[in-house]
Amino acid sequence: MKEQIQTIFQTAWNKLEIYHPLMREKQAILAFSGGKDSSLLLQFYLWLLQKREIQKSPILYHLDHSIRMNTDQESEIRNFTNTLDLISVFKKKTFRNSLKELNSV
């Protein structure tokens, strides 16, 4: 990891000091889309683990909304998360089921 990123992560960790007890005690569940924001957040948590600032690995949660045709992207996300030693939860929501839920309300 580049030194500049580590410096940014250290600065962020320092600014989160009030949350250190919570972050150390509770296991985080990270909503992971595979995009830049969630990937950076994941890297931050992996850095915290490496630095032993936290002891519990985050759980990755990914929801495929099935709104657009993105089978390749979903496959890439699953393949990437399989390379990590983390619990990953994948859910697929179909548009048809969403309509049924809306109609039942």
C-alpha atoms as a PDB file:
ATOM      1  CA  MET A   1       0.000   0.000   0.000  1.00  0.00           C
ATOM      2  CA  LYS A   2       1.328   3.430  -0.913  1.00  0.00           C
ATOM      3  CA  GLU A   3       2.651   5.583   1.902  1.00  0.00           C
ATOM      4  CA  GLN A   4       0.305   8.426   0.942  1.00  0.00           C
ATOM      5  CA  ILE A   5      -2.744   6.170   1.373  1.00  0.00           C
ATOM      6  CA  GLN A   6      -1.436   4.945   4.725  1.00  0.00           C
ATOM      7  CA  THR A   7      -1.019   8.555   5.853  1.00  0.00           C
ATOM      8  CA  ILE A   8      -4.596   9.328   4.823  1.00  0.00           C
ATOM      9  CA  PHE A   9      -5.860   6.237   6.654  1.00  0.00           C
ATOM     10  CA  GLN A  10      -3.896   7.171   9.781  1.00  0.00           C
ATOM     11  CA  THR A  11      -5.340  10.690   9.685  1.00  0.00           C
ATOM     12  CA  ALA A  12      -8.857   9.293   9.263  1.00  0.00           C
ATOM     13  CA  TRP A  13      -8.327   6.853  12.146  1.00  0.00           C
ATOM     14  CA  ASN A  14      -7.095   9.676  14.374  1.00  0.00           C
ATOM     15  CA  LYS A  15     -10.156  11.783  13.543  1.00  0.00           C
ATOM     16  CA  LEU A  16     -12.412   8.831  14.422  1.00  0.00           C
ATOM     17  CA  GLU A  17     -10.965   8.593  17.932  1.00  0.00           C
ATOM     18  CA  ILE A  18     -14.349   8.965  19.619  1.00  0.00           C
ATOM     19  CA  TYR A  19     -15.500   5.835  17.728  1.00  0.00           C
ATOM     20  CA  HIS A  20     -12.449   3.667  18.459  1.00  0.00           C
ATOM     21  CA  PRO A  21     -14.121   1.702  21.294  1.00  0.00           C
ATOM     22  CA  LEU A  22     -17.154   0.941  19.124  1.00  0.00           C
ATOM     23  CA  MET A  23     -15.063  -0.006  16.097  1.00  0.00           C
ATOM     24  CA  ARG A  24     -12.867  -2.258  18.223  1.00  0.00           C
ATOM     25  CA  GLU A  25     -15.762  -3.940  20.015  1.00  0.00           C
ATOM     26  CA  LYS A  26     -18.245  -4.481  17.185  1.00  0.00           C
ATOM     27  CA  GLN A  27     -17.801  -6.291  13.910  1.00  0.00           C
ATOM     28  CA  ALA A  28     -18.499  -3.990  10.970  1.00  0.00           C
ATOM     29  CA  ILE A  29     -20.794  -4.934   8.116  1.00  0.00           C
ATOM     30  CA  LEU A  30     -19.682  -3.115   4.990  1.00  0.00           C
ATOM     31  CA  ALA A  31     -22.089  -2.610   2.112  1.00  0.00           C
ATOM     32  CA  PHE A  32     -19.796  -3.461  -0.786  1.00  0.00           C
ATOM     33  CA  SER A  33     -20.771  -2.457  -4.316  1.00  0.00           C
ATOM     34  CA  GLY A  34     -17.337  -2.871  -5.842  1.00  0.00           C
ATOM     35  CA  GLY A  35     -17.236   0.860  -6.578  1.00  0.00           C
ATOM     36  CA  LYS A  36     -14.578   3.329  -5.517  1.00  0.00           C
ATOM     37  CA  ASP A  37     -16.204   4.373  -2.232  1.00  0.00           C
ATOM     38  CA  SER A  38     -16.892   0.913  -0.862  1.00  0.00           C
ATOM     39  CA  SER A  39     -13.537  -0.377  -2.126  1.00  0.00           C
ATOM     40  CA  LEU A  40     -11.716   2.405  -0.287  1.00  0.00           C
ATOM     41  CA  LEU A  41     -13.721   1.727   2.874  1.00  0.00           C
ATOM     42  CA  LEU A  42     -12.819  -1.954   2.607  1.00  0.00           C
ATOM     43  CA  GLN A  43      -9.142  -1.060   2.184  1.00  0.00           C
ATOM     44  CA  PHE A  44      -9.386   1.159   5.273  1.00  0.00           C
ATOM     45  CA  TYR A  45     -10.768  -1.718   7.344  1.00  0.00           C
ATOM     46  CA  LEU A  46      -8.118  -4.100   6.010  1.00  0.00           C
ATOM     47  CA  TRP A  47      -5.491  -1.526   6.979  1.00  0.00           C
ATOM     48  CA  LEU A  48      -7.002  -1.294  10.480  1.00  0.00           C
ATOM     49  CA  LEU A  49      -6.744  -5.087  10.771  1.00  0.00           C
ATOM     50  CA  GLN A  50      -3.154  -5.080   9.570  1.00  0.00           C
ATOM     51  CA  LYS A  51      -2.247  -2.361  12.094  1.00  0.00           C
ATOM     52  CA  ARG A  52      -4.125  -4.320  14.792  1.00  0.00           C
ATOM     53  CA  GLU A  53      -6.327  -1.336  15.535  1.00  0.00           C
ATOM     54  CA  ILE A  54      -9.323  -3.661  15.255  1.00  0.00           C
ATOM     55  CA  GLN A  55      -9.475  -7.405  15.859  1.00  0.00           C
ATOM     56  CA  LYS A  56     -12.684  -8.388  14.070  1.00  0.00           C
ATOM     57  CA  SER A  57     -12.712  -8.648  10.299  1.00  0.00           C
ATOM     58  CA  PRO A  58     -15.560  -6.835   8.582  1.00  0.00           C
ATOM     59  CA  ILE A  59     -18.363  -8.740   6.914  1.00  0.00           C
ATOM     60  CA  LEU A  60     -18.972  -7.748   3.302  1.00  0.00           C
ATOM     61  CA  TYR A  61     -22.582  -7.434   2.178  1.00  0.00           C
ATOM     62  CA  HIS A  62     -23.384  -7.098  -1.498  1.00  0.00           C
ATOM     63  CA  LEU A  63     -26.873  -6.636  -2.916  1.00  0.00           C
ATOM     64  CA  ASP A  64     -27.516  -7.160  -6.604  1.00  0.00           C
ATOM     65  CA  HIS A  65     -30.653  -5.124  -7.285  1.00  0.00           C
ATOM     66  CA  SER A  66     -31.056  -6.758 -10.724  1.00  0.00           C
ATOM     67  CA  ILE A  67     -31.994  -3.364 -12.137  1.00  0.00           C
ATOM     68  CA  ARG A  68     -29.506  -3.454 -14.993  1.00  0.00           C
ATOM     69  CA  MET A  69     -27.697  -6.162 -16.898  1.00  0.00           C
ATOM     70  CA  ASN A  70     -24.420  -6.425 -15.011  1.00  0.00           C
ATOM     71  CA  THR A  71     -23.721 -10.138 -14.742  1.00  0.00           C
ATOM     72  CA  ASP A  72     -20.029  -9.654 -15.563  1.00  0.00           C
ATOM     73  CA  GLN A  73     -19.624  -6.981 -12.891  1.00  0.00           C
ATOM     74  CA  GLU A  74     -21.391  -9.137 -10.297  1.00  0.00           C
ATOM     75  CA  SER A  75     -19.106 -12.032 -11.194  1.00  0.00           C
ATOM     76  CA  GLU A  76     -16.018  -9.813 -10.835  1.00  0.00           C
ATOM     77  CA  ILE A  77     -17.176  -8.637  -7.405  1.00  0.00           C
ATOM     78  CA  ARG A  78     -17.783 -12.205  -6.242  1.00  0.00           C
ATOM     79  CA  ASN A  79     -14.398 -13.348  -7.592  1.00  0.00           C
ATOM     80  CA  PHE A  80     -12.633 -10.457  -5.870  1.00  0.00           C
ATOM     81  CA  THR A  81     -14.299 -11.044  -2.514  1.00  0.00           C
ATOM     82  CA  ASN A  82     -13.451 -14.749  -2.753  1.00  0.00           C
ATOM     83  CA  THR A  83      -9.763 -13.770  -2.709  1.00  0.00           C
ATOM     84  CA  LEU A  84     -10.215 -12.150   0.712  1.00  0.00           C
ATOM     85  CA  ASP A  85     -10.313 -14.005   3.992  1.00  0.00           C
ATOM     86  CA  LEU A  86     -13.611 -12.364   4.944  1.00  0.00           C
ATOM     87  CA  ILE A  87     -17.202 -13.427   5.340  1.00  0.00           C
ATOM     88  CA  SER A  88     -19.121 -12.231   2.289  1.00  0.00           C
ATOM     89  CA  VAL A  89     -22.895 -12.187   1.949  1.00  0.00           C
ATOM     90  CA  PHE A  90     -24.434 -11.860  -1.506  1.00  0.00           C
ATOM     91  CA  LYS A  91     -28.120 -11.216  -2.058  1.00  0.00           C
ATOM     92  CA  LYS A  92     -29.913 -10.963  -5.364  1.00  0.00           C
ATOM     93  CA  LYS A  93     -33.131  -9.011  -5.552  1.00  0.00           C
ATOM     94  CA  THR A  94     -35.285  -9.495  -8.600  1.00  0.00           C
ATOM     95  CA  PHE A  95     -37.402  -6.694  -9.945  1.00  0.00           C
ATOM     96  CA  ARG A  96     -40.420  -8.983 -10.096  1.00  0.00           C
ATOM     97  CA  ASN A  97     -40.168  -9.705  -6.353  1.00  0.00           C
ATOM     98  CA  SER A  98     -39.866  -5.985  -5.676  1.00  0.00           C
ATOM     99  CA  LEU A  99     -43.129  -5.338  -7.511  1.00  0.00           C
ATOM    100  CA  LYS A 100     -44.884  -8.078  -5.520  1.00  0.00           C
ATOM    101  CA  GLU A 101     -43.658  -6.517  -2.280  1.00  0.00           C
ATOM    102  CA  LEU A 102     -44.907  -3.076  -3.351  1.00  0.00           C
ATOM    103  CA  ASN A 103     -48.319  -4.458  -4.290  1.00  0.00           C
ATOM    104  CA  SER A 104     -48.696  -6.226  -0.952  1.00  0.00           C
ATOM    105  CA  VAL A 105     -48.225  -2.989   1.028  1.00  0.00           C
END
